[in-house]
Amino acid sequence: MLATLRTPYTDTRADELSFAFGLPALDALAVLSAESGGLAVELRLLGASHQVIAGPVSETVACLPGRPGPLPGVVNETSAGWSYHFGATTVTHEGDDAFGAAVDELCARLADREDALTGTFPGSPYAVTALALEPVAAEPGDGPVRAARQGLGWRTWHAYPQTREIVMTRSRLVSEP
């Protein structure tokens, strides 16, 4: 789902984003509701930020008052019988052409997906925040019991045209045995 947002781009740099686990639903500019891994999921755009609410878990990546950035590289939590893993990386592109091509490729890849939400902001075609669900595959070292557990995953991208940065996050929520 593509959402053309009519709000100013609020985050200014990747290193100003912070992470919060367990916040209640915040005011959203666009929401995509889905079901995945046996859970109700909401992918939520919050300005140039995101919030995902999946069953008992909420993940918020945003410029939050009282929570300075930058994002942590890795977070592991447990909640109500679920194991949660979050990872974040930032890529800075050398020039505007490389940055624009990366954002164009991302938008094209997500354009026809019913389980993805992409928000574009006024002022730049490359001011984009996107979220997409992804299946939870077994990871190296997972045994057959863990691989058969219920779960879901999601990825997000936050593009900052003024600094040519793209923040990428990947999250995984898996039921505990």
N, C-alpha and C. Protein backbone atom coordinates (compact mmCIF):
# COMPACT_ATOMS: atom_id res chain seq x y z
N MET A 1 0.84 -1.17 0.00
CA MET A 1 0.00 0.00 0.00
C MET A 1 0.89 1.24 0.00
N LEU A 2 0.62 2.15 -0.90
CA LEU A 2 1.36 3.41 -0.97
C LEU A 2 0.52 4.50 -0.33
N ALA A 3 1.10 5.22 0.60
CA ALA A 3 0.43 6.34 1.25
C ALA A 3 1.21 7.61 0.94
N THR A 4 0.55 8.56 0.29
CA THR A 4 1.16 9.87 0.07
C THR A 4 0.76 10.72 1.26
N LEU A 5 1.73 11.07 2.08
CA LEU A 5 1.47 11.75 3.34
C LEU A 5 1.53 13.26 3.15
N ARG A 6 0.69 13.95 3.86
CA ARG A 6 0.63 15.40 3.75
C ARG A 6 1.11 16.05 5.05
N THR A 7 2.23 15.61 5.49
CA THR A 7 2.81 16.14 6.71
C THR A 7 4.28 16.38 6.47
N PRO A 8 4.86 17.37 7.12
CA PRO A 8 6.30 17.60 6.91
C PRO A 8 7.13 16.42 7.42
N TYR A 9 8.24 16.24 6.79
CA TYR A 9 9.20 15.22 7.19
C TYR A 9 9.79 15.65 8.53
N THR A 10 9.58 14.87 9.61
CA THR A 10 9.93 15.35 10.94
C THR A 10 11.31 14.92 11.44
N ASP A 11 11.77 13.75 11.08
CA ASP A 11 13.11 13.31 11.53
C ASP A 11 14.14 13.94 10.61
N THR A 12 15.28 14.30 11.16
CA THR A 12 16.26 14.98 10.34
C THR A 12 17.47 14.13 9.99
N ARG A 13 17.84 13.22 10.86
CA ARG A 13 19.01 12.38 10.61
C ARG A 13 18.79 11.00 11.20
N ALA A 14 19.46 10.04 10.62
CA ALA A 14 19.34 8.67 11.10
C ALA A 14 19.72 8.52 12.56
N ASP A 15 20.76 9.24 12.99
CA ASP A 15 21.23 9.08 14.36
C ASP A 15 20.32 9.72 15.41
N GLU A 16 19.24 10.37 14.98
CA GLU A 16 18.27 10.92 15.92
C GLU A 16 17.13 9.95 16.22
N LEU A 17 17.06 8.84 15.47
CA LEU A 17 16.04 7.83 15.74
C LEU A 17 16.36 7.10 17.04
N SER A 18 15.32 6.80 17.80
CA SER A 18 15.50 5.99 19.00
C SER A 18 14.55 4.80 18.92
N PHE A 19 14.76 3.86 19.81
CA PHE A 19 14.00 2.61 19.84
C PHE A 19 13.21 2.54 21.13
N ALA A 20 11.97 2.06 21.05
CA ALA A 20 11.17 1.80 22.25
C ALA A 20 10.42 0.49 22.06
N PHE A 21 10.39 -0.31 23.09
CA PHE A 21 9.69 -1.59 23.10
C PHE A 21 8.53 -1.46 24.07
N GLY A 22 7.31 -1.78 23.60
CA GLY A 22 6.17 -1.82 24.50
C GLY A 22 5.35 -0.56 24.63
N LEU A 23 5.57 0.44 23.79
CA LEU A 23 4.75 1.65 23.87
C LEU A 23 3.33 1.37 23.38
N PRO A 24 2.35 2.11 23.91
CA PRO A 24 0.99 1.96 23.36
C PRO A 24 0.94 2.54 21.94
N ALA A 25 -0.14 2.26 21.24
CA ALA A 25 -0.29 2.78 19.87
C ALA A 25 -0.23 4.31 19.89
N LEU A 26 0.61 4.85 19.02
CA LEU A 26 0.75 6.29 18.87
C LEU A 26 -0.09 6.74 17.68
N ASP A 27 -0.36 8.05 17.61
CA ASP A 27 -1.10 8.58 16.46
C ASP A 27 -0.34 8.24 15.19
N ALA A 28 -1.04 7.68 14.23
CA ALA A 28 -0.41 7.25 12.98
C ALA A 28 -0.98 8.03 11.81
N LEU A 29 -0.13 8.24 10.80
CA LEU A 29 -0.55 8.90 9.56
C LEU A 29 -1.13 7.90 8.58
N ALA A 30 -0.71 6.64 8.68
CA ALA A 30 -1.23 5.56 7.83
C ALA A 30 -1.03 4.25 8.58
N VAL A 31 -1.99 3.32 8.42
CA VAL A 31 -1.94 2.03 9.09
C VAL A 31 -2.33 0.94 8.10
N LEU A 32 -1.57 -0.13 8.10
CA LEU A 32 -1.92 -1.32 7.34
C LEU A 32 -2.11 -2.45 8.34
N SER A 33 -3.32 -2.99 8.40
CA SER A 33 -3.62 -4.11 9.29
C SER A 33 -3.53 -5.41 8.51
N ALA A 34 -2.97 -6.42 9.15
CA ALA A 34 -2.80 -7.72 8.50
C ALA A 34 -2.81 -8.80 9.57
N GLU A 35 -2.72 -10.03 9.12
CA GLU A 35 -2.52 -11.16 10.02
C GLU A 35 -1.35 -11.95 9.50
N SER A 36 -0.46 -12.32 10.40
CA SER A 36 0.72 -13.08 10.02
C SER A 36 1.19 -13.88 11.22
N GLY A 37 1.63 -15.09 10.98
CA GLY A 37 2.14 -15.92 12.06
C GLY A 37 1.13 -16.15 13.15
N GLY A 38 -0.17 -16.09 12.82
CA GLY A 38 -1.21 -16.30 13.82
C GLY A 38 -1.51 -15.09 14.68
N LEU A 39 -0.94 -13.93 14.34
CA LEU A 39 -1.15 -12.72 15.13
C LEU A 39 -1.72 -11.60 14.28
N ALA A 40 -2.53 -10.75 14.90
CA ALA A 40 -2.96 -9.51 14.27
C ALA A 40 -1.75 -8.56 14.30
N VAL A 41 -1.52 -7.89 13.17
CA VAL A 41 -0.36 -7.00 13.04
C VAL A 41 -0.83 -5.67 12.48
N GLU A 42 -0.28 -4.59 13.01
CA GLU A 42 -0.48 -3.27 12.44
C GLU A 42 0.88 -2.69 12.09
N LEU A 43 1.05 -2.34 10.81
CA LEU A 43 2.21 -1.59 10.36
C LEU A 43 1.77 -0.13 10.36
N ARG A 44 2.47 0.74 11.10
CA ARG A 44 2.02 2.11 11.32
C ARG A 44 3.11 3.11 10.94
N LEU A 45 2.75 4.10 10.13
CA LEU A 45 3.66 5.19 9.80
C LEU A 45 3.41 6.35 10.75
N LEU A 46 4.48 6.83 11.39
CA LEU A 46 4.40 7.94 12.34
C LEU A 46 5.33 9.05 11.82
N GLY A 47 4.86 9.92 11.01
CA GLY A 47 5.77 10.90 10.43
C GLY A 47 6.83 10.15 9.65
N ALA A 48 8.08 10.43 9.89
CA ALA A 48 9.15 9.72 9.20
C ALA A 48 9.63 8.54 10.02
N SER A 49 8.75 8.02 10.84
CA SER A 49 9.08 6.95 11.76
C SER A 49 8.08 5.82 11.61
N HIS A 50 8.25 4.77 12.44
CA HIS A 50 7.30 3.67 12.35
C HIS A 50 6.99 3.09 13.72
N GLN A 51 5.87 2.37 13.74
CA GLN A 51 5.51 1.56 14.89
C GLN A 51 4.88 0.28 14.33
N VAL A 52 5.25 -0.84 14.90
CA VAL A 52 4.64 -2.12 14.55
C VAL A 52 4.05 -2.69 15.82
N ILE A 53 2.78 -3.06 15.73
CA ILE A 53 2.12 -3.72 16.84
C ILE A 53 1.75 -5.12 16.35
N ALA A 54 2.33 -6.11 17.01
CA ALA A 54 2.14 -7.51 16.61
C ALA A 54 1.82 -8.31 17.87
N GLY A 55 0.55 -8.69 18.02
CA GLY A 55 0.16 -9.44 19.21
C GLY A 55 0.54 -8.68 20.46
N PRO A 56 1.33 -9.28 21.36
CA PRO A 56 1.66 -8.64 22.63
C PRO A 56 2.84 -7.64 22.55
N VAL A 57 3.36 -7.42 21.36
CA VAL A 57 4.60 -6.65 21.21
C VAL A 57 4.34 -5.37 20.43
N SER A 58 4.97 -4.29 20.86
CA SER A 58 5.02 -3.09 20.03
C SER A 58 6.46 -2.62 19.92
N GLU A 59 6.82 -2.25 18.71
CA GLU A 59 8.16 -1.73 18.40
C GLU A 59 7.97 -0.34 17.81
N THR A 60 8.69 0.63 18.36
CA THR A 60 8.61 2.00 17.86
C THR A 60 10.02 2.48 17.54
N VAL A 61 10.21 2.95 16.32
CA VAL A 61 11.47 3.57 15.91
C VAL A 61 11.09 4.98 15.47
N ALA A 62 11.52 5.98 16.25
CA ALA A 62 11.10 7.35 16.01
C ALA A 62 12.00 8.32 16.78
N CYS A 63 11.85 9.59 16.50
CA CYS A 63 12.44 10.62 17.35
C CYS A 63 11.47 10.81 18.50
N LEU A 64 11.80 10.23 19.64
CA LEU A 64 10.90 10.22 20.79
C LEU A 64 11.42 11.15 21.88
N PRO A 65 10.55 12.00 22.44
CA PRO A 65 10.98 12.88 23.54
C PRO A 65 11.55 12.07 24.69
N GLY A 66 12.69 12.51 25.21
CA GLY A 66 13.31 11.85 26.34
C GLY A 66 14.05 10.57 26.02
N ARG A 67 14.09 10.17 24.75
CA ARG A 67 14.81 8.96 24.33
C ARG A 67 15.78 9.36 23.22
N PRO A 68 17.01 9.63 23.58
CA PRO A 68 17.96 10.04 22.54
C PRO A 68 18.37 8.87 21.64
N GLY A 69 18.76 9.21 20.42
CA GLY A 69 19.33 8.22 19.50
C GLY A 69 20.78 8.03 19.83
N PRO A 70 21.46 7.25 19.07
CA PRO A 70 20.99 6.53 17.91
C PRO A 70 20.34 5.20 18.29
N LEU A 71 19.85 4.51 17.25
CA LEU A 71 19.24 3.20 17.45
C LEU A 71 20.27 2.20 17.96
N PRO A 72 19.84 1.26 18.78
CA PRO A 72 20.75 0.16 19.13
C PRO A 72 20.93 -0.75 17.93
N GLY A 73 22.07 -1.40 17.83
CA GLY A 73 22.30 -2.36 16.75
C GLY A 73 21.47 -3.60 16.89
N VAL A 74 21.26 -4.06 18.14
CA VAL A 74 20.52 -5.29 18.40
C VAL A 74 19.74 -5.12 19.71
N VAL A 75 18.52 -5.66 19.72
CA VAL A 75 17.70 -5.73 20.94
C VAL A 75 17.07 -7.12 20.96
N ASN A 76 17.09 -7.76 22.12
CA ASN A 76 16.40 -9.04 22.34
C ASN A 76 15.51 -8.88 23.56
N GLU A 77 14.26 -9.28 23.43
CA GLU A 77 13.28 -9.17 24.52
C GLU A 77 12.41 -10.42 24.52
N THR A 78 11.72 -10.65 25.63
CA THR A 78 10.68 -11.67 25.69
C THR A 78 9.42 -11.00 26.23
N SER A 79 8.26 -11.45 25.75
CA SER A 79 6.99 -10.88 26.19
C SER A 79 5.88 -11.89 25.97
N ALA A 80 5.18 -12.22 27.03
CA ALA A 80 3.97 -13.06 26.97
C ALA A 80 4.17 -14.32 26.13
N GLY A 81 5.31 -15.00 26.33
CA GLY A 81 5.56 -16.26 25.62
C GLY A 81 6.14 -16.09 24.23
N TRP A 82 6.60 -14.91 23.91
CA TRP A 82 7.19 -14.63 22.59
C TRP A 82 8.62 -14.14 22.77
N SER A 83 9.47 -14.52 21.84
CA SER A 83 10.85 -14.07 21.79
C SER A 83 10.97 -13.06 20.64
N TYR A 84 11.53 -11.90 20.93
CA TYR A 84 11.61 -10.80 19.98
C TYR A 84 13.07 -10.45 19.73
N HIS A 85 13.42 -10.26 18.46
CA HIS A 85 14.76 -9.84 18.08
C HIS A 85 14.65 -8.66 17.11
N PHE A 86 15.44 -7.62 17.35
CA PHE A 86 15.48 -6.42 16.51
C PHE A 86 16.93 -6.13 16.14
N GLY A 87 17.15 -5.78 14.90
CA GLY A 87 18.47 -5.36 14.45
C GLY A 87 18.35 -4.15 13.54
N ALA A 88 19.31 -3.23 13.62
CA ALA A 88 19.28 -2.02 12.80
C ALA A 88 20.65 -1.74 12.22
N THR A 89 20.65 -1.29 10.97
CA THR A 89 21.88 -0.84 10.31
C THR A 89 21.55 0.42 9.51
N THR A 90 22.57 1.22 9.27
CA THR A 90 22.42 2.43 8.47
C THR A 90 23.44 2.40 7.36
N VAL A 91 22.98 2.70 6.14
CA VAL A 91 23.87 2.78 4.98
C VAL A 91 23.85 4.22 4.49
N THR A 92 25.03 4.79 4.28
CA THR A 92 25.14 6.13 3.70
C THR A 92 25.64 5.99 2.28
N HIS A 93 24.91 6.56 1.34
CA HIS A 93 25.26 6.48 -0.08
C HIS A 93 26.17 7.65 -0.45
N GLU A 94 27.12 7.39 -1.34
CA GLU A 94 28.13 8.38 -1.71
C GLU A 94 27.57 9.59 -2.44
N GLY A 95 26.56 9.40 -3.27
CA GLY A 95 26.03 10.51 -4.03
C GLY A 95 24.52 10.45 -4.14
N ASP A 96 23.93 11.54 -4.63
CA ASP A 96 22.49 11.61 -4.78
C ASP A 96 21.97 10.55 -5.75
N ASP A 97 22.72 10.26 -6.82
CA ASP A 97 22.27 9.27 -7.80
C ASP A 97 22.18 7.88 -7.18
N ALA A 98 23.19 7.50 -6.41
CA ALA A 98 23.19 6.18 -5.77
C ALA A 98 22.07 6.08 -4.74
N PHE A 99 21.88 7.15 -3.98
CA PHE A 99 20.81 7.17 -2.98
C PHE A 99 19.45 7.07 -3.67
N GLY A 100 19.23 7.87 -4.70
CA GLY A 100 17.96 7.85 -5.43
C GLY A 100 17.67 6.49 -6.04
N ALA A 101 18.70 5.86 -6.59
CA ALA A 101 18.52 4.53 -7.19
C ALA A 101 18.13 3.51 -6.12
N ALA A 102 18.73 3.60 -4.93
CA ALA A 102 18.41 2.66 -3.85
C ALA A 102 16.96 2.84 -3.39
N VAL A 103 16.51 4.08 -3.26
CA VAL A 103 15.13 4.33 -2.85
C VAL A 103 14.16 3.90 -3.94
N ASP A 104 14.48 4.19 -5.19
CA ASP A 104 13.62 3.76 -6.30
C ASP A 104 13.48 2.24 -6.33
N GLU A 105 14.58 1.51 -6.13
CA GLU A 105 14.55 0.05 -6.14
C GLU A 105 13.70 -0.47 -4.99
N LEU A 106 13.83 0.12 -3.81
CA LEU A 106 13.03 -0.28 -2.66
C LEU A 106 11.54 -0.08 -2.95
N CYS A 107 11.18 1.09 -3.43
CA CYS A 107 9.76 1.39 -3.71
C CYS A 107 9.20 0.45 -4.78
N ALA A 108 9.97 0.15 -5.80
CA ALA A 108 9.52 -0.77 -6.85
C ALA A 108 9.32 -2.17 -6.30
N ARG A 109 10.22 -2.61 -5.42
CA ARG A 109 10.14 -3.96 -4.85
C ARG A 109 8.91 -4.13 -3.96
N LEU A 110 8.48 -3.05 -3.30
CA LEU A 110 7.35 -3.13 -2.38
C LEU A 110 6.02 -2.72 -3.01
N ALA A 111 6.06 -2.14 -4.20
CA ALA A 111 4.88 -1.50 -4.80
C ALA A 111 3.65 -2.39 -4.88
N ASP A 112 3.78 -3.63 -5.26
CA ASP A 112 2.62 -4.49 -5.47
C ASP A 112 2.35 -5.45 -4.32
N ARG A 113 3.01 -5.25 -3.21
CA ARG A 113 2.82 -6.16 -2.08
C ARG A 113 1.68 -5.70 -1.19
N GLU A 114 0.78 -6.63 -0.88
CA GLU A 114 -0.34 -6.31 0.00
C GLU A 114 0.07 -6.28 1.47
N ASP A 115 1.26 -6.79 1.78
CA ASP A 115 1.74 -6.83 3.16
C ASP A 115 2.83 -5.79 3.41
N ALA A 116 2.82 -4.70 2.62
CA ALA A 116 3.82 -3.64 2.76
C ALA A 116 3.12 -2.29 2.76
N LEU A 117 3.68 -1.35 3.51
CA LEU A 117 3.18 0.01 3.60
C LEU A 117 4.34 0.95 3.33
N THR A 118 4.20 1.79 2.31
CA THR A 118 5.23 2.77 1.96
C THR A 118 4.64 4.15 2.04
N GLY A 119 5.30 5.03 2.78
CA GLY A 119 4.85 6.41 2.89
C GLY A 119 5.84 7.34 2.23
N THR A 120 5.32 8.24 1.38
CA THR A 120 6.16 9.27 0.76
C THR A 120 5.77 10.62 1.35
N PHE A 121 6.75 11.47 1.51
CA PHE A 121 6.55 12.76 2.16
C PHE A 121 6.76 13.89 1.17
N PRO A 122 6.11 15.03 1.41
CA PRO A 122 6.28 16.17 0.50
C PRO A 122 7.71 16.71 0.57
N GLY A 123 8.15 17.27 -0.53
CA GLY A 123 9.45 17.92 -0.55
C GLY A 123 10.52 17.16 -1.28
N SER A 124 10.45 15.83 -1.30
CA SER A 124 11.44 15.03 -2.00
C SER A 124 10.83 13.68 -2.34
N PRO A 125 11.01 13.21 -3.58
CA PRO A 125 10.50 11.87 -3.91
C PRO A 125 11.26 10.78 -3.17
N TYR A 126 12.36 11.13 -2.54
CA TYR A 126 13.17 10.13 -1.84
C TYR A 126 13.01 10.19 -0.32
N ALA A 127 12.08 11.03 0.17
CA ALA A 127 11.74 11.05 1.59
C ALA A 127 10.69 9.96 1.79
N VAL A 128 11.15 8.77 2.17
CA VAL A 128 10.31 7.58 2.19
C VAL A 128 10.53 6.81 3.49
N THR A 129 9.43 6.30 4.04
CA THR A 129 9.49 5.32 5.11
C THR A 129 8.65 4.13 4.66
N ALA A 130 9.18 2.92 4.80
CA ALA A 130 8.48 1.73 4.32
C ALA A 130 8.58 0.61 5.36
N LEU A 131 7.53 -0.21 5.40
CA LEU A 131 7.47 -1.36 6.29
C LEU A 131 6.92 -2.54 5.49
N ALA A 132 7.42 -3.72 5.76
CA ALA A 132 6.93 -4.91 5.05
C ALA A 132 7.04 -6.13 5.96
N LEU A 133 6.01 -6.97 5.92
CA LEU A 133 6.06 -8.24 6.63
C LEU A 133 6.94 -9.21 5.86
N GLU A 134 7.52 -10.15 6.57
CA GLU A 134 8.27 -11.21 5.91
C GLU A 134 8.11 -12.49 6.71
N PRO A 135 8.14 -13.62 6.02
CA PRO A 135 8.01 -14.89 6.74
C PRO A 135 9.21 -15.11 7.65
N VAL A 136 8.98 -15.84 8.72
CA VAL A 136 10.07 -16.18 9.62
C VAL A 136 10.62 -17.52 9.18
N ALA A 137 11.81 -17.51 8.67
CA ALA A 137 12.48 -18.74 8.26
C ALA A 137 13.37 -19.21 9.40
N ALA A 138 13.63 -20.47 9.41
CA ALA A 138 14.57 -21.01 10.39
C ALA A 138 15.93 -20.38 10.17
N GLU A 139 16.60 -20.08 11.25
CA GLU A 139 17.94 -19.51 11.17
C GLU A 139 18.97 -20.61 11.40
N PRO A 140 20.21 -20.37 10.97
CA PRO A 140 21.25 -21.38 11.22
C PRO A 140 21.30 -21.73 12.71
N GLY A 141 21.33 -22.98 12.99
CA GLY A 141 21.39 -23.43 14.38
C GLY A 141 20.02 -23.73 14.98
N ASP A 142 18.93 -23.31 14.32
CA ASP A 142 17.60 -23.63 14.81
C ASP A 142 17.35 -25.11 14.59
N GLY A 143 16.87 -25.78 15.61
CA GLY A 143 16.50 -27.18 15.46
C GLY A 143 15.09 -27.29 14.90
N PRO A 144 14.62 -28.49 14.63
CA PRO A 144 13.30 -28.67 14.03
C PRO A 144 12.17 -28.13 14.91
N VAL A 145 12.31 -28.20 16.25
CA VAL A 145 11.26 -27.69 17.13
C VAL A 145 11.17 -26.18 17.00
N ARG A 146 12.29 -25.50 17.03
CA ARG A 146 12.28 -24.04 16.92
C ARG A 146 11.78 -23.62 15.54
N ALA A 147 12.18 -24.30 14.51
CA ALA A 147 11.78 -23.94 13.15
C ALA A 147 10.27 -24.08 12.97
N ALA A 148 9.63 -24.95 13.74
CA ALA A 148 8.19 -25.18 13.60
C ALA A 148 7.36 -24.22 14.44
N ARG A 149 7.97 -23.37 15.24
CA ARG A 149 7.23 -22.45 16.09
C ARG A 149 6.50 -21.39 15.27
N GLN A 150 5.48 -20.85 15.88
CA GLN A 150 4.71 -19.78 15.27
C GLN A 150 5.52 -18.48 15.32
N GLY A 151 5.40 -17.65 14.29
CA GLY A 151 6.10 -16.39 14.34
C GLY A 151 5.92 -15.56 13.09
N LEU A 152 6.49 -14.39 13.12
CA LEU A 152 6.47 -13.49 11.98
C LEU A 152 7.67 -12.58 12.04
N GLY A 153 7.92 -11.93 10.93
CA GLY A 153 9.01 -10.97 10.86
C GLY A 153 8.57 -9.76 10.06
N TRP A 154 9.34 -8.69 10.19
CA TRP A 154 9.09 -7.50 9.40
C TRP A 154 10.39 -6.73 9.22
N ARG A 155 10.41 -5.95 8.16
CA ARG A 155 11.55 -5.09 7.85
C ARG A 155 11.05 -3.67 7.67
N THR A 156 11.91 -2.70 7.95
CA THR A 156 11.56 -1.30 7.71
C THR A 156 12.74 -0.58 7.09
N TRP A 157 12.42 0.52 6.41
CA TRP A 157 13.42 1.37 5.77
C TRP A 157 13.03 2.82 6.00
N HIS A 158 13.98 3.62 6.42
CA HIS A 158 13.77 5.06 6.63
C HIS A 158 14.82 5.78 5.77
N ALA A 159 14.35 6.51 4.77
CA ALA A 159 15.28 7.17 3.85
C ALA A 159 15.38 8.66 4.17
N TYR A 160 16.61 9.14 4.28
CA TYR A 160 16.91 10.53 4.61
C TYR A 160 17.64 11.19 3.45
N PRO A 161 16.91 11.88 2.55
CA PRO A 161 17.55 12.46 1.37
C PRO A 161 18.60 13.51 1.70
N GLN A 162 18.41 14.26 2.77
CA GLN A 162 19.35 15.34 3.09
C GLN A 162 20.72 14.82 3.49
N THR A 163 20.79 13.57 3.98
CA THR A 163 22.09 12.99 4.36
C THR A 163 22.42 11.74 3.55
N ARG A 164 21.51 11.34 2.65
CA ARG A 164 21.67 10.16 1.80
C ARG A 164 21.84 8.88 2.64
N GLU A 165 21.14 8.83 3.76
CA GLU A 165 21.18 7.66 4.64
C GLU A 165 19.89 6.86 4.50
N ILE A 166 20.03 5.54 4.60
CA ILE A 166 18.87 4.66 4.70
C ILE A 166 19.08 3.79 5.94
N VAL A 167 18.15 3.92 6.88
CA VAL A 167 18.15 3.09 8.08
C VAL A 167 17.30 1.87 7.76
N MET A 168 17.85 0.68 7.99
CA MET A 168 17.14 -0.56 7.73
C MET A 168 17.03 -1.33 9.04
N THR A 169 15.81 -1.80 9.34
CA THR A 169 15.63 -2.63 10.52
C THR A 169 15.01 -3.96 10.11
N ARG A 170 15.30 -4.96 10.88
CA ARG A 170 14.70 -6.28 10.68
C ARG A 170 14.32 -6.81 12.06
N SER A 171 13.08 -7.27 12.18
CA SER A 171 12.56 -7.77 13.44
C SER A 171 11.98 -9.16 13.25
N ARG A 172 12.02 -9.94 14.34
CA ARG A 172 11.52 -11.30 14.30
C ARG A 172 10.85 -11.57 15.63
N LEU A 173 9.64 -12.13 15.57
CA LEU A 173 8.86 -12.46 16.75
C LEU A 173 8.47 -13.94 16.64
N VAL A 174 8.93 -14.75 17.60
CA VAL A 174 8.72 -16.19 17.52
C VAL A 174 8.18 -16.68 18.87
N SER A 175 7.20 -17.58 18.83
CA SER A 175 6.64 -18.12 20.07
C SER A 175 7.68 -18.96 20.79
N GLU A 176 7.65 -18.88 22.10
CA GLU A 176 8.55 -19.67 22.92
C GLU A 176 8.00 -21.09 23.02
N PRO A 177 8.87 -22.08 23.23
CA PRO A 177 8.39 -23.47 23.35
C PRO A 177 7.55 -23.68 24.59
